[in-house]
Amino acid sequence: MCLSTIYRGSVEQDNLLMKNVRMISCRDGKIVLTDLMERELSIKGELDMADLVNGVAVIRETNRQGGDGQ
């Protein structure tokens, strides 16, 4: 079984989104991450990089909501 750790923007501990991801899918313009416990995280963005040998992927968020619209 291959599991991955997913990061936002770059592979840094502060950017960790989810560990033990078993599935990455696209639904309604969003990337949906599903872990071993069937928890889901939905992110509006694009897959930037996936290193399947090392179990790492990076997502670049688009239109991140919050604050002053930046």
PDB file of N, CA and C in Angstrom:
ATOM      1  N   MET A   1       0.856  -1.178   0.000  1.00  0.00           N
ATOM      2  CA  MET A   1       0.000   0.000   0.000  1.00  0.00           C
ATOM      3  C   MET A   1       0.897   1.235   0.000  1.00  0.00           C
ATOM      4  N   CYS A   2       0.575   2.183  -0.861  1.00  0.00           N
ATOM      5  CA  CYS A   2       1.333   3.432  -0.935  1.00  0.00           C
ATOM      6  C   CYS A   2       0.512   4.569  -0.347  1.00  0.00           C
ATOM      7  N   LEU A   3       1.076   5.240   0.630  1.00  0.00           N
ATOM      8  CA  LEU A   3       0.431   6.390   1.249  1.00  0.00           C
ATOM      9  C   LEU A   3       1.301   7.611   1.037  1.00  0.00           C
ATOM     10  N   SER A   4       0.675   8.770   1.002  1.00  0.00           N
ATOM     11  CA  SER A   4       1.416  10.002   0.747  1.00  0.00           C
ATOM     12  C   SER A   4       1.139  11.053   1.801  1.00  0.00           C
ATOM     13  N   THR A   5       2.071  11.988   1.887  1.00  0.00           N
ATOM     14  CA  THR A   5       1.919  13.181   2.709  1.00  0.00           C
ATOM     15  C   THR A   5       1.764  14.343   1.747  1.00  0.00           C
ATOM     16  N   ILE A   6       0.761  15.182   1.984  1.00  0.00           N
ATOM     17  CA  ILE A   6       0.440  16.266   1.069  1.00  0.00           C
ATOM     18  C   ILE A   6       0.737  17.601   1.731  1.00  0.00           C
ATOM     19  N   TYR A   7       1.384  18.475   0.945  1.00  0.00           N
ATOM     20  CA  TYR A   7       1.780  19.792   1.423  1.00  0.00           C
ATOM     21  C   TYR A   7       1.157  20.888   0.570  1.00  0.00           C
ATOM     22  N   ARG A   8       1.046  22.076   1.141  1.00  0.00           N
ATOM     23  CA  ARG A   8       0.566  23.268   0.439  1.00  0.00           C
ATOM     24  C   ARG A   8       1.774  24.098   0.027  1.00  0.00           C
ATOM     25  N   GLY A   9       1.979  24.289  -1.266  1.00  0.00           N
ATOM     26  CA  GLY A   9       3.013  25.189  -1.761  1.00  0.00           C
ATOM     27  C   GLY A   9       4.410  24.623  -1.859  1.00  0.00           C
ATOM     28  N   SER A  10       4.916  24.021  -0.786  1.00  0.00           N
ATOM     29  CA  SER A  10       6.262  23.442  -0.785  1.00  0.00           C
ATOM     30  C   SER A  10       6.365  22.403   0.327  1.00  0.00           C
ATOM     31  N   VAL A  11       7.354  21.539   0.192  1.00  0.00           N
ATOM     32  CA  VAL A  11       7.531  20.454   1.162  1.00  0.00           C
ATOM     33  C   VAL A  11       8.244  21.000   2.398  1.00  0.00           C
ATOM     34  N   GLU A  12       7.440  21.557   3.297  1.00  0.00           N
ATOM     35  CA  GLU A  12       7.919  22.072   4.576  1.00  0.00           C
ATOM     36  C   GLU A  12       6.899  21.689   5.642  1.00  0.00           C
ATOM     37  N   GLN A  13       7.368  21.385   6.828  1.00  0.00           N
ATOM     38  CA  GLN A  13       6.480  20.928   7.899  1.00  0.00           C
ATOM     39  C   GLN A  13       5.336  21.903   8.175  1.00  0.00           C
ATOM     40  N   ASP A  14       5.600  23.201   8.086  1.00  0.00           N
ATOM     41  CA  ASP A  14       4.554  24.200   8.330  1.00  0.00           C
ATOM     42  C   ASP A  14       3.460  24.177   7.269  1.00  0.00           C
ATOM     43  N   ASN A  15       3.722  23.555   6.116  1.00  0.00           N
ATOM     44  CA  ASN A  15       2.769  23.517   5.004  1.00  0.00           C
ATOM     45  C   ASN A  15       2.021  22.193   4.905  1.00  0.00           C
ATOM     46  N   LEU A  16       2.156  21.342   5.898  1.00  0.00           N
ATOM     47  CA  LEU A  16       1.516  20.029   5.891  1.00  0.00           C
ATOM     48  C   LEU A  16      -0.006  20.156   5.842  1.00  0.00           C
ATOM     49  N   LEU A  17      -0.616  19.480   4.885  1.00  0.00           N
ATOM     50  CA  LEU A  17      -2.085  19.463   4.791  1.00  0.00           C
ATOM     51  C   LEU A  17      -2.668  18.176   5.365  1.00  0.00           C
ATOM     52  N   MET A  18      -2.100  17.033   4.961  1.00  0.00           N
ATOM     53  CA  MET A  18      -2.661  15.758   5.406  1.00  0.00           C
ATOM     54  C   MET A  18      -1.622  14.658   5.247  1.00  0.00           C
ATOM     55  N   LYS A  19      -1.598  13.742   6.216  1.00  0.00           N
ATOM     56  CA  LYS A  19      -0.730  12.566   6.162  1.00  0.00           C
ATOM     57  C   LYS A  19      -1.567  11.340   5.848  1.00  0.00           C
ATOM     58  N   ASN A  20      -0.898  10.268   5.481  1.00  0.00           N
ATOM     59  CA  ASN A  20      -1.528   8.972   5.219  1.00  0.00           C
ATOM     60  C   ASN A  20      -2.642   9.066   4.172  1.00  0.00           C
ATOM     61  N   VAL A  21      -2.390   9.860   3.131  1.00  0.00           N
ATOM     62  CA  VAL A  21      -3.381  10.020   2.058  1.00  0.00           C
ATOM     63  C   VAL A  21      -3.329   8.799   1.159  1.00  0.00           C
ATOM     64  N   ARG A  22      -4.489   8.192   0.962  1.00  0.00           N
ATOM     65  CA  ARG A  22      -4.576   7.003   0.127  1.00  0.00           C
ATOM     66  C   ARG A  22      -5.147   7.311  -1.244  1.00  0.00           C
ATOM     67  N   MET A  23      -5.850   8.466  -1.365  1.00  0.00           N
ATOM     68  CA  MET A  23      -6.464   8.802  -2.644  1.00  0.00           C
ATOM     69  C   MET A  23      -6.466  10.308  -2.861  1.00  0.00           C
ATOM     70  N   ILE A  24      -6.147  10.707  -4.099  1.00  0.00           N
ATOM     71  CA  ILE A  24      -6.262  12.095  -4.525  1.00  0.00           C
ATOM     72  C   ILE A  24      -7.190  12.095  -5.729  1.00  0.00           C
ATOM     73  N   SER A  25      -8.259  12.869  -5.637  1.00  0.00           N
ATOM     74  CA  SER A  25      -9.199  12.941  -6.751  1.00  0.00           C
ATOM     75  C   SER A  25      -9.581  14.392  -7.015  1.00  0.00           C
ATOM     76  N   CYS A  26     -10.215  14.619  -8.147  1.00  0.00           N
ATOM     77  CA  CYS A  26     -10.689  15.954  -8.508  1.00  0.00           C
ATOM     78  C   CYS A  26     -12.206  15.914  -8.582  1.00  0.00           C
ATOM     79  N   ARG A  27     -12.825  16.893  -7.919  1.00  0.00           N
ATOM     80  CA  ARG A  27     -14.285  16.937  -7.881  1.00  0.00           C
ATOM     81  C   ARG A  27     -14.729  18.390  -7.812  1.00  0.00           C
ATOM     82  N   ASP A  28     -15.581  18.811  -8.739  1.00  0.00           N
ATOM     83  CA  ASP A  28     -16.145  20.162  -8.744  1.00  0.00           C
ATOM     84  C   ASP A  28     -15.071  21.248  -8.690  1.00  0.00           C
ATOM     85  N   GLY A  29     -13.989  21.066  -9.448  1.00  0.00           N
ATOM     86  CA  GLY A  29     -12.935  22.064  -9.496  1.00  0.00           C
ATOM     87  C   GLY A  29     -12.038  22.094  -8.277  1.00  0.00           C
ATOM     88  N   LYS A  30     -12.120  21.079  -7.436  1.00  0.00           N
ATOM     89  CA  LYS A  30     -11.297  21.015  -6.229  1.00  0.00           C
ATOM     90  C   LYS A  30     -10.529  19.709  -6.189  1.00  0.00           C
ATOM     91  N   ILE A  31      -9.419  19.724  -5.481  1.00  0.00           N
ATOM     92  CA  ILE A  31      -8.667  18.502  -5.219  1.00  0.00           C
ATOM     93  C   ILE A  31      -9.164  17.942  -3.897  1.00  0.00           C
ATOM     94  N   VAL A  32      -9.525  16.669  -3.903  1.00  0.00           N
ATOM     95  CA  VAL A  32     -10.054  16.026  -2.701  1.00  0.00           C
ATOM     96  C   VAL A  32      -9.053  14.972  -2.238  1.00  0.00           C
ATOM     97  N   LEU A  33      -8.586  15.128  -1.004  1.00  0.00           N
ATOM     98  CA  LEU A  33      -7.659  14.190  -0.388  1.00  0.00           C
ATOM     99  C   LEU A  33      -8.431  13.295   0.565  1.00  0.00           C
ATOM    100  N   THR A  34      -8.161  11.996   0.517  1.00  0.00           N
ATOM    101  CA  THR A  34      -8.814  11.039   1.411  1.00  0.00           C
ATOM    102  C   THR A  34      -7.731  10.233   2.111  1.00  0.00           C
ATOM    103  N   ASP A  35      -7.806  10.177   3.456  1.00  0.00           N
ATOM    104  CA  ASP A  35      -6.788   9.433   4.197  1.00  0.00           C
ATOM    105  C   ASP A  35      -7.277   8.035   4.557  1.00  0.00           C
ATOM    106  N   LEU A  36      -6.468   7.300   5.282  1.00  0.00           N
ATOM    107  CA  LEU A  36      -6.796   5.922   5.664  1.00  0.00           C
ATOM    108  C   LEU A  36      -8.070   5.798   6.485  1.00  0.00           C
ATOM    109  N   MET A  37      -8.392   6.824   7.244  1.00  0.00           N
ATOM    110  CA  MET A  37      -9.582   6.792   8.088  1.00  0.00           C
ATOM    111  C   MET A  37     -10.817   7.342   7.368  1.00  0.00           C
ATOM    112  N   GLU A  38     -10.701   7.524   6.045  1.00  0.00           N
ATOM    113  CA  GLU A  38     -11.785   8.030   5.196  1.00  0.00           C
ATOM    114  C   GLU A  38     -12.124   9.500   5.448  1.00  0.00           C
ATOM    115  N   ARG A  39     -11.233  10.227   6.136  1.00  0.00           N
ATOM    116  CA  ARG A  39     -11.421  11.671   6.293  1.00  0.00           C
ATOM    117  C   ARG A  39     -11.086  12.323   4.964  1.00  0.00           C
ATOM    118  N   GLU A  40     -11.841  13.363   4.609  1.00  0.00           N
ATOM    119  CA  GLU A  40     -11.609  14.069   3.360  1.00  0.00           C
ATOM    120  C   GLU A  40     -11.257  15.523   3.613  1.00  0.00           C
ATOM    121  N   LEU A  41     -10.391  16.045   2.760  1.00  0.00           N
ATOM    122  CA  LEU A  41     -10.029  17.453   2.769  1.00  0.00           C
ATOM    123  C   LEU A  41     -10.135  17.933   1.331  1.00  0.00           C
ATOM    124  N   SER A  42     -10.916  18.983   1.121  1.00  0.00           N
ATOM    125  CA  SER A  42     -11.147  19.517  -0.215  1.00  0.00           C
ATOM    126  C   SER A  42     -10.453  20.864  -0.345  1.00  0.00           C
ATOM    127  N   ILE A  43      -9.646  21.025  -1.409  1.00  0.00           N
ATOM    128  CA  ILE A  43      -8.851  22.234  -1.595  1.00  0.00           C
ATOM    129  C   ILE A  43      -9.002  22.722  -3.019  1.00  0.00           C
ATOM    130  N   LYS A  44      -9.276  24.010  -3.165  1.00  0.00           N
ATOM    131  CA  LYS A  44      -9.317  24.592  -4.499  1.00  0.00           C
ATOM    132  C   LYS A  44      -7.878  24.881  -4.908  1.00  0.00           C
ATOM    133  N   GLY A  45      -7.386  24.156  -5.899  1.00  0.00           N
ATOM    134  CA  GLY A  45      -6.007  24.330  -6.309  1.00  0.00           C
ATOM    135  C   GLY A  45      -5.627  23.392  -7.423  1.00  0.00           C
ATOM    136  N   GLU A  46      -4.321  23.298  -7.634  1.00  0.00           N
ATOM    137  CA  GLU A  46      -3.769  22.459  -8.691  1.00  0.00           C
ATOM    138  C   GLU A  46      -2.666  21.590  -8.113  1.00  0.00           C
ATOM    139  N   LEU A  47      -2.539  20.403  -8.651  1.00  0.00           N
ATOM    140  CA  LEU A  47      -1.437  19.539  -8.257  1.00  0.00           C
ATOM    141  C   LEU A  47      -0.159  20.112  -8.851  1.00  0.00           C
ATOM    142  N   ASP A  48       0.789  20.455  -8.008  1.00  0.00           N
ATOM    143  CA  ASP A  48       2.044  21.056  -8.452  1.00  0.00           C
ATOM    144  C   ASP A  48       3.102  19.983  -8.683  1.00  0.00           C
ATOM    145  N   MET A  49       3.145  18.967  -7.789  1.00  0.00           N
ATOM    146  CA  MET A  49       4.154  17.937  -7.886  1.00  0.00           C
ATOM    147  C   MET A  49       3.688  16.702  -7.130  1.00  0.00           C
ATOM    148  N   ALA A  50       3.987  15.532  -7.682  1.00  0.00           N
ATOM    149  CA  ALA A  50       3.714  14.281  -6.986  1.00  0.00           C
ATOM    150  C   ALA A  50       4.922  13.369  -7.142  1.00  0.00           C
ATOM    151  N   ASP A  51       5.573  13.050  -6.035  1.00  0.00           N
ATOM    152  CA  ASP A  51       6.702  12.136  -6.006  1.00  0.00           C
ATOM    153  C   ASP A  51       6.183  10.843  -5.387  1.00  0.00           C
ATOM    154  N   LEU A  52       5.741   9.929  -6.218  1.00  0.00           N
ATOM    155  CA  LEU A  52       5.085   8.727  -5.720  1.00  0.00           C
ATOM    156  C   LEU A  52       6.062   7.727  -5.111  1.00  0.00           C
ATOM    157  N   VAL A  53       7.312   7.775  -5.497  1.00  0.00           N
ATOM    158  CA  VAL A  53       8.317   6.897  -4.896  1.00  0.00           C
ATOM    159  C   VAL A  53       8.531   7.264  -3.432  1.00  0.00           C
ATOM    160  N   ASN A  54       8.578   8.573  -3.156  1.00  0.00           N
ATOM    161  CA  ASN A  54       8.805   9.036  -1.785  1.00  0.00           C
ATOM    162  C   ASN A  54       7.517   9.377  -1.037  1.00  0.00           C
ATOM    163  N   GLY A  55       6.370   9.225  -1.685  1.00  0.00           N
ATOM    164  CA  GLY A  55       5.093   9.445  -1.006  1.00  0.00           C
ATOM    165  C   GLY A  55       4.827  10.886  -0.617  1.00  0.00           C
ATOM    166  N   VAL A  56       5.134  11.816  -1.532  1.00  0.00           N
ATOM    167  CA  VAL A  56       4.966  13.242  -1.257  1.00  0.00           C
ATOM    168  C   VAL A  56       4.277  13.903  -2.447  1.00  0.00           C
ATOM    169  N   ALA A  57       3.359  14.812  -2.159  1.00  0.00           N
ATOM    170  CA  ALA A  57       2.733  15.616  -3.218  1.00  0.00           C
ATOM    171  C   ALA A  57       2.578  17.043  -2.707  1.00  0.00           C
ATOM    172  N   VAL A  58       2.578  17.986  -3.651  1.00  0.00           N
ATOM    173  CA  VAL A  58       2.429  19.403  -3.321  1.00  0.00           C
ATOM    174  C   VAL A  58       1.267  19.963  -4.122  1.00  0.00           C
ATOM    175  N   ILE A  59       0.399  20.695  -3.422  1.00  0.00           N
ATOM    176  CA  ILE A  59      -0.754  21.344  -4.051  1.00  0.00           C
ATOM    177  C   ILE A  59      -0.559  22.849  -3.979  1.00  0.00           C
ATOM    178  N   ARG A  60      -0.777  23.506  -5.091  1.00  0.00           N
ATOM    179  CA  ARG A  60      -0.727  24.972  -5.146  1.00  0.00           C
ATOM    180  C   ARG A  60      -2.170  25.455  -5.083  1.00  0.00           C
ATOM    181  N   GLU A  61      -2.521  26.138  -4.008  1.00  0.00           N
ATOM    182  CA  GLU A  61      -3.894  26.624  -3.831  1.00  0.00           C
ATOM    183  C   GLU A  61      -4.187  27.778  -4.776  1.00  0.00           C
ATOM    184  N   THR A  62      -5.450  27.847  -5.209  1.00  0.00           N
ATOM    185  CA  THR A  62      -5.926  28.961  -6.012  1.00  0.00           C
ATOM    186  C   THR A  62      -7.142  29.551  -5.322  1.00  0.00           C
ATOM    187  N   ASN A  63      -7.273  30.865  -5.376  1.00  0.00           N
ATOM    188  CA  ASN A  63      -8.423  31.554  -4.778  1.00  0.00           C
ATOM    189  C   ASN A  63      -8.624  31.186  -3.326  1.00  0.00           C
ATOM    190  N   ARG A  64      -7.553  31.232  -2.555  1.00  0.00           N
ATOM    191  CA  ARG A  64      -7.650  30.934  -1.118  1.00  0.00           C
ATOM    192  C   ARG A  64      -8.476  32.001  -0.445  1.00  0.00           C
ATOM    193  N   GLN A  65      -9.483  31.600   0.289  1.00  0.00           N
ATOM    194  CA  GLN A  65     -10.377  32.549   0.951  1.00  0.00           C
ATOM    195  C   GLN A  65      -9.767  33.020   2.256  1.00  0.00           C
ATOM    196  N   GLY A  66     -10.118  34.246   2.611  1.00  0.00           N
ATOM    197  CA  GLY A  66      -9.709  34.742   3.904  1.00  0.00           C
ATOM    198  C   GLY A  66      -9.288  36.191   3.841  1.00  0.00           C
ATOM    199  N   GLY A  67      -9.159  36.788   4.993  1.00  0.00           N
ATOM    200  CA  GLY A  67      -8.628  38.135   5.186  1.00  0.00           C
ATOM    201  C   GLY A  67      -9.121  39.180   4.230  1.00  0.00           C
ATOM    202  N   ASP A  68      -8.162  39.783   3.537  1.00  0.00           N
ATOM    203  CA  ASP A  68      -8.464  40.929   2.697  1.00  0.00           C
ATOM    204  C   ASP A  68      -8.503  40.585   1.205  1.00  0.00           C
ATOM    205  N   GLY A  69      -8.721  39.323   0.883  1.00  0.00           N
ATOM    206  CA  GLY A  69      -8.872  38.917  -0.496  1.00  0.00           C
ATOM    207  C   GLY A  69      -7.563  38.686  -1.232  1.00  0.00           C
ATOM    208  N   GLN A  70      -6.457  38.596  -0.503  1.00  0.00           N
ATOM    209  CA  GLN A  70      -5.170  38.341  -1.132  1.00  0.00           C
ATOM    210  C   GLN A  70      -4.955  36.870  -1.353  1.00  0.00           C
TER     211      GLN A  70
END
